[in-house]
Amino acid sequence: MGSDRVARKRKRLTLEIDPTWDKATKDAFKWWVRTAALDFQQSAGKIHEYGGVGEGSADLRVMGFNQAELLVWREASEATRQEVAVWFYLQGKIARLISDYQQQKPGKSDTWFDITVYSMMARRLQAVGRWP
């Protein structure tokens, strides 16, 4: 958590297209920003479901504690334990994708959305040490 925060200096967010980018890169940038904004709007409810105020949700704390214990990582910080809980949930989403692929079907878009949400939760835990 701390090293990630120290390693990256806070950059000012700019949503401007770099004029040196080619068309494909510009198109990808526009898609990425639009998709990220929509993803956040759709997942805002997860902030309250998985915490919202104070120490975060009980399930993240309990699952994080249990998973860290299974990994014999007793000195893990609370934020790291919650990140481990997110990793545990993410494994379920990956398993769902594997099941789809074994059935020769593409992965479901809601599964990929959930993976995005869990990824952002873990990134936030690493960046600020808490969720949300």
C-alpha atoms as a PDB file:
ATOM      1  CA  MET A   1       0.000   0.000   0.000  1.00  0.00           C
ATOM      2  CA  GLY A   2       2.447   2.652   1.176  1.00  0.00           C
ATOM      3  CA  SER A   3       5.157   1.915  -1.386  1.00  0.00           C
ATOM      4  CA  ASP A   4       2.620   2.174  -4.200  1.00  0.00           C
ATOM      5  CA  ARG A   5       1.535   5.564  -2.939  1.00  0.00           C
ATOM      6  CA  VAL A   6       5.095   6.804  -2.513  1.00  0.00           C
ATOM      7  CA  ALA A   7       6.307   5.422  -5.843  1.00  0.00           C
ATOM      8  CA  ARG A   8       3.680   7.265  -7.853  1.00  0.00           C
ATOM      9  CA  LYS A   9       3.523  10.986  -7.495  1.00  0.00           C
ATOM     10  CA  ARG A  10       0.002  12.283  -7.766  1.00  0.00           C
ATOM     11  CA  LYS A  11      -0.526  13.444 -11.314  1.00  0.00           C
ATOM     12  CA  ARG A  12      -3.083  16.005 -12.312  1.00  0.00           C
ATOM     13  CA  LEU A  13      -5.896  14.276 -14.141  1.00  0.00           C
ATOM     14  CA  THR A  14      -6.237  15.416 -17.710  1.00  0.00           C
ATOM     15  CA  LEU A  15      -8.842  14.107 -20.057  1.00  0.00           C
ATOM     16  CA  GLU A  16      -7.368  15.741 -23.093  1.00  0.00           C
ATOM     17  CA  ILE A  17      -6.384  13.812 -26.155  1.00  0.00           C
ATOM     18  CA  ASP A  18      -2.697  14.046 -26.905  1.00  0.00           C
ATOM     19  CA  PRO A  19      -2.383  15.438 -30.434  1.00  0.00           C
ATOM     20  CA  THR A  20       0.554  13.109 -31.106  1.00  0.00           C
ATOM     21  CA  TRP A  21      -1.643   9.997 -30.715  1.00  0.00           C
ATOM     22  CA  ASP A  22      -2.776   8.160 -33.810  1.00  0.00           C
ATOM     23  CA  LYS A  23      -6.503   7.682 -34.513  1.00  0.00           C
ATOM     24  CA  ALA A  24      -6.646   4.196 -32.969  1.00  0.00           C
ATOM     25  CA  THR A  25      -5.089   5.473 -29.732  1.00  0.00           C
ATOM     26  CA  LYS A  26      -7.449   8.451 -29.629  1.00  0.00           C
ATOM     27  CA  ASP A  27     -10.446   6.164 -30.187  1.00  0.00           C
ATOM     28  CA  ALA A  28      -9.229   3.800 -27.444  1.00  0.00           C
ATOM     29  CA  PHE A  29      -8.785   6.748 -25.056  1.00  0.00           C
ATOM     30  CA  LYS A  30     -12.323   8.024 -25.696  1.00  0.00           C
ATOM     31  CA  TRP A  31     -13.749   4.532 -25.194  1.00  0.00           C
ATOM     32  CA  TRP A  32     -11.722   3.991 -22.010  1.00  0.00           C
ATOM     33  CA  VAL A  33     -12.794   7.265 -20.384  1.00  0.00           C
ATOM     34  CA  ARG A  34     -16.446   6.812 -21.342  1.00  0.00           C
ATOM     35  CA  THR A  35     -16.464   3.179 -20.159  1.00  0.00           C
ATOM     36  CA  ALA A  36     -14.748   4.054 -16.876  1.00  0.00           C
ATOM     37  CA  ALA A  37     -17.309   6.773 -16.157  1.00  0.00           C
ATOM     38  CA  LEU A  38     -20.209   4.440 -16.928  1.00  0.00           C
ATOM     39  CA  ASP A  39     -18.637   1.643 -14.877  1.00  0.00           C
ATOM     40  CA  PHE A  40     -18.343   3.922 -11.877  1.00  0.00           C
ATOM     41  CA  GLN A  41     -21.953   5.052 -12.178  1.00  0.00           C
ATOM     42  CA  GLN A  42     -23.092   1.423 -12.329  1.00  0.00           C
ATOM     43  CA  SER A  43     -20.889   0.317  -9.451  1.00  0.00           C
ATOM     44  CA  ALA A  44     -21.473   3.227  -7.067  1.00  0.00           C
ATOM     45  CA  GLY A  45     -23.796   0.954  -5.089  1.00  0.00           C
ATOM     46  CA  LYS A  46     -20.866  -1.368  -4.392  1.00  0.00           C
ATOM     47  CA  ILE A  47     -19.299   1.411  -2.336  1.00  0.00           C
ATOM     48  CA  HIS A  48     -22.065   0.998   0.213  1.00  0.00           C
ATOM     49  CA  GLU A  49     -22.339  -2.763  -0.229  1.00  0.00           C
ATOM     50  CA  TYR A  50     -18.628  -3.227   0.480  1.00  0.00           C
ATOM     51  CA  GLY A  51     -18.127  -0.498   3.006  1.00  0.00           C
ATOM     52  CA  GLY A  52     -18.942   3.097   2.475  1.00  0.00           C
ATOM     53  CA  VAL A  53     -18.177   4.498   5.889  1.00  0.00           C
ATOM     54  CA  GLY A  54     -15.689   3.633   8.587  1.00  0.00           C
ATOM     55  CA  GLU A  55     -13.749   0.396   8.459  1.00  0.00           C
ATOM     56  CA  GLY A  56     -15.415  -1.090   5.397  1.00  0.00           C
ATOM     57  CA  SER A  57     -17.821  -3.949   5.222  1.00  0.00           C
ATOM     58  CA  ALA A  58     -17.815  -6.893   7.553  1.00  0.00           C
ATOM     59  CA  ASP A  59     -17.523  -9.373   4.690  1.00  0.00           C
ATOM     60  CA  LEU A  60     -14.329  -7.752   3.370  1.00  0.00           C
ATOM     61  CA  ARG A  61     -12.850  -7.728   6.883  1.00  0.00           C
ATOM     62  CA  VAL A  62     -13.901 -11.307   7.678  1.00  0.00           C
ATOM     63  CA  MET A  63     -12.935 -12.749   4.300  1.00  0.00           C
ATOM     64  CA  GLY A  64      -9.665 -10.822   4.321  1.00  0.00           C
ATOM     65  CA  PHE A  65      -8.809 -12.097   7.796  1.00  0.00           C
ATOM     66  CA  ASN A  66      -9.689 -15.689   6.898  1.00  0.00           C
ATOM     67  CA  GLN A  67      -7.822 -15.674   3.592  1.00  0.00           C
ATOM     68  CA  ALA A  68      -4.731 -14.079   5.144  1.00  0.00           C
ATOM     69  CA  GLU A  69      -4.810 -16.744   7.861  1.00  0.00           C
ATOM     70  CA  LEU A  70      -5.018 -19.483   5.226  1.00  0.00           C
ATOM     71  CA  LEU A  71      -2.029 -17.913   3.498  1.00  0.00           C
ATOM     72  CA  VAL A  72      -0.250 -17.754   6.883  1.00  0.00           C
ATOM     73  CA  TRP A  73       0.098 -13.993   6.448  1.00  0.00           C
ATOM     74  CA  ARG A  74      -0.787 -12.936   9.960  1.00  0.00           C
ATOM     75  CA  GLU A  75       1.115  -9.643   9.891  1.00  0.00           C
ATOM     76  CA  ALA A  76      -0.847  -8.341   6.880  1.00  0.00           C
ATOM     77  CA  SER A  77      -2.386  -4.910   7.384  1.00  0.00           C
ATOM     78  CA  GLU A  78      -6.161  -4.468   7.390  1.00  0.00           C
ATOM     79  CA  ALA A  79      -6.000  -2.942   3.893  1.00  0.00           C
ATOM     80  CA  THR A  80      -3.943  -5.868   2.626  1.00  0.00           C
ATOM     81  CA  ARG A  81      -6.343  -8.342   4.219  1.00  0.00           C
ATOM     82  CA  GLN A  82      -9.237  -6.618   2.450  1.00  0.00           C
ATOM     83  CA  GLU A  83      -7.269  -6.734  -0.798  1.00  0.00           C
ATOM     84  CA  VAL A  84      -6.857 -10.482  -0.253  1.00  0.00           C
ATOM     85  CA  ALA A  85     -10.647 -10.732   0.180  1.00  0.00           C
ATOM     86  CA  VAL A  86     -11.105  -8.953  -3.153  1.00  0.00           C
ATOM     87  CA  TRP A  87      -8.647 -11.425  -4.693  1.00  0.00           C
ATOM     88  CA  PHE A  88     -10.783 -14.259  -3.315  1.00  0.00           C
ATOM     89  CA  TYR A  89     -13.934 -12.803  -4.881  1.00  0.00           C
ATOM     90  CA  LEU A  90     -12.043 -12.251  -8.131  1.00  0.00           C
ATOM     91  CA  GLN A  91     -11.168 -15.949  -8.258  1.00  0.00           C
ATOM     92  CA  GLY A  92     -14.890 -16.720  -8.407  1.00  0.00           C
ATOM     93  CA  LYS A  93     -15.293 -14.409 -11.396  1.00  0.00           C
ATOM     94  CA  ILE A  94     -12.321 -15.998 -13.155  1.00  0.00           C
ATOM     95  CA  ALA A  95     -13.813 -19.442 -12.463  1.00  0.00           C
ATOM     96  CA  ARG A  96     -17.067 -18.255 -14.048  1.00  0.00           C
ATOM     97  CA  LEU A  97     -15.157 -17.199 -17.182  1.00  0.00           C
ATOM     98  CA  ILE A  98     -13.376 -20.553 -17.334  1.00  0.00           C
ATOM     99  CA  SER A  99     -16.726 -22.297 -17.126  1.00  0.00           C
ATOM    100  CA  ASP A 100     -18.080 -20.183 -19.997  1.00  0.00           C
ATOM    101  CA  TYR A 101     -15.009 -20.913 -22.115  1.00  0.00           C
ATOM    102  CA  GLN A 102     -15.187 -24.631 -21.383  1.00  0.00           C
ATOM    103  CA  GLN A 103     -18.721 -24.506 -22.735  1.00  0.00           C
ATOM    104  CA  GLN A 104     -17.303 -22.716 -25.792  1.00  0.00           C
ATOM    105  CA  LYS A 105     -19.218 -19.539 -24.974  1.00  0.00           C
ATOM    106  CA  PRO A 106     -17.790 -16.038 -24.647  1.00  0.00           C
ATOM    107  CA  GLY A 107     -17.489 -14.629 -21.152  1.00  0.00           C
ATOM    108  CA  LYS A 108     -20.514 -12.695 -19.953  1.00  0.00           C
ATOM    109  CA  SER A 109     -20.258  -8.937 -19.937  1.00  0.00           C
ATOM    110  CA  ASP A 110     -21.514  -8.716 -16.340  1.00  0.00           C
ATOM    111  CA  THR A 111     -18.678 -11.029 -15.274  1.00  0.00           C
ATOM    112  CA  TRP A 112     -16.143  -8.732 -16.926  1.00  0.00           C
ATOM    113  CA  PHE A 113     -17.853  -5.746 -15.286  1.00  0.00           C
ATOM    114  CA  ASP A 114     -17.554  -7.414 -11.862  1.00  0.00           C
ATOM    115  CA  ILE A 115     -13.871  -8.100 -12.542  1.00  0.00           C
ATOM    116  CA  THR A 116     -13.407  -4.394 -13.301  1.00  0.00           C
ATOM    117  CA  VAL A 117     -15.136  -3.420 -10.059  1.00  0.00           C
ATOM    118  CA  TYR A 118     -13.006  -5.808  -7.993  1.00  0.00           C
ATOM    119  CA  SER A 119      -9.855  -4.611  -9.726  1.00  0.00           C
ATOM    120  CA  MET A 120     -10.664  -0.995  -8.910  1.00  0.00           C
ATOM    121  CA  MET A 121     -11.461  -1.916  -5.310  1.00  0.00           C
ATOM    122  CA  ALA A 122      -8.034  -3.556  -4.956  1.00  0.00           C
ATOM    123  CA  ARG A 123      -6.318  -0.610  -6.623  1.00  0.00           C
ATOM    124  CA  ARG A 124      -8.060   1.799  -4.237  1.00  0.00           C
ATOM    125  CA  LEU A 125      -7.073  -0.310  -1.234  1.00  0.00           C
ATOM    126  CA  GLN A 126      -3.461  -0.154  -2.415  1.00  0.00           C
ATOM    127  CA  ALA A 127      -3.605   3.557  -3.182  1.00  0.00           C
ATOM    128  CA  VAL A 128      -5.322   4.893  -0.053  1.00  0.00           C
ATOM    129  CA  GLY A 129      -5.359   1.971   2.368  1.00  0.00           C
ATOM    130  CA  ARG A 130      -9.126   1.637   2.624  1.00  0.00           C
ATOM    131  CA  TRP A 131     -12.333   0.990   0.720  1.00  0.00           C
ATOM    132  CA  PRO A 132     -13.859   3.246  -0.321  1.00  0.00           C
END
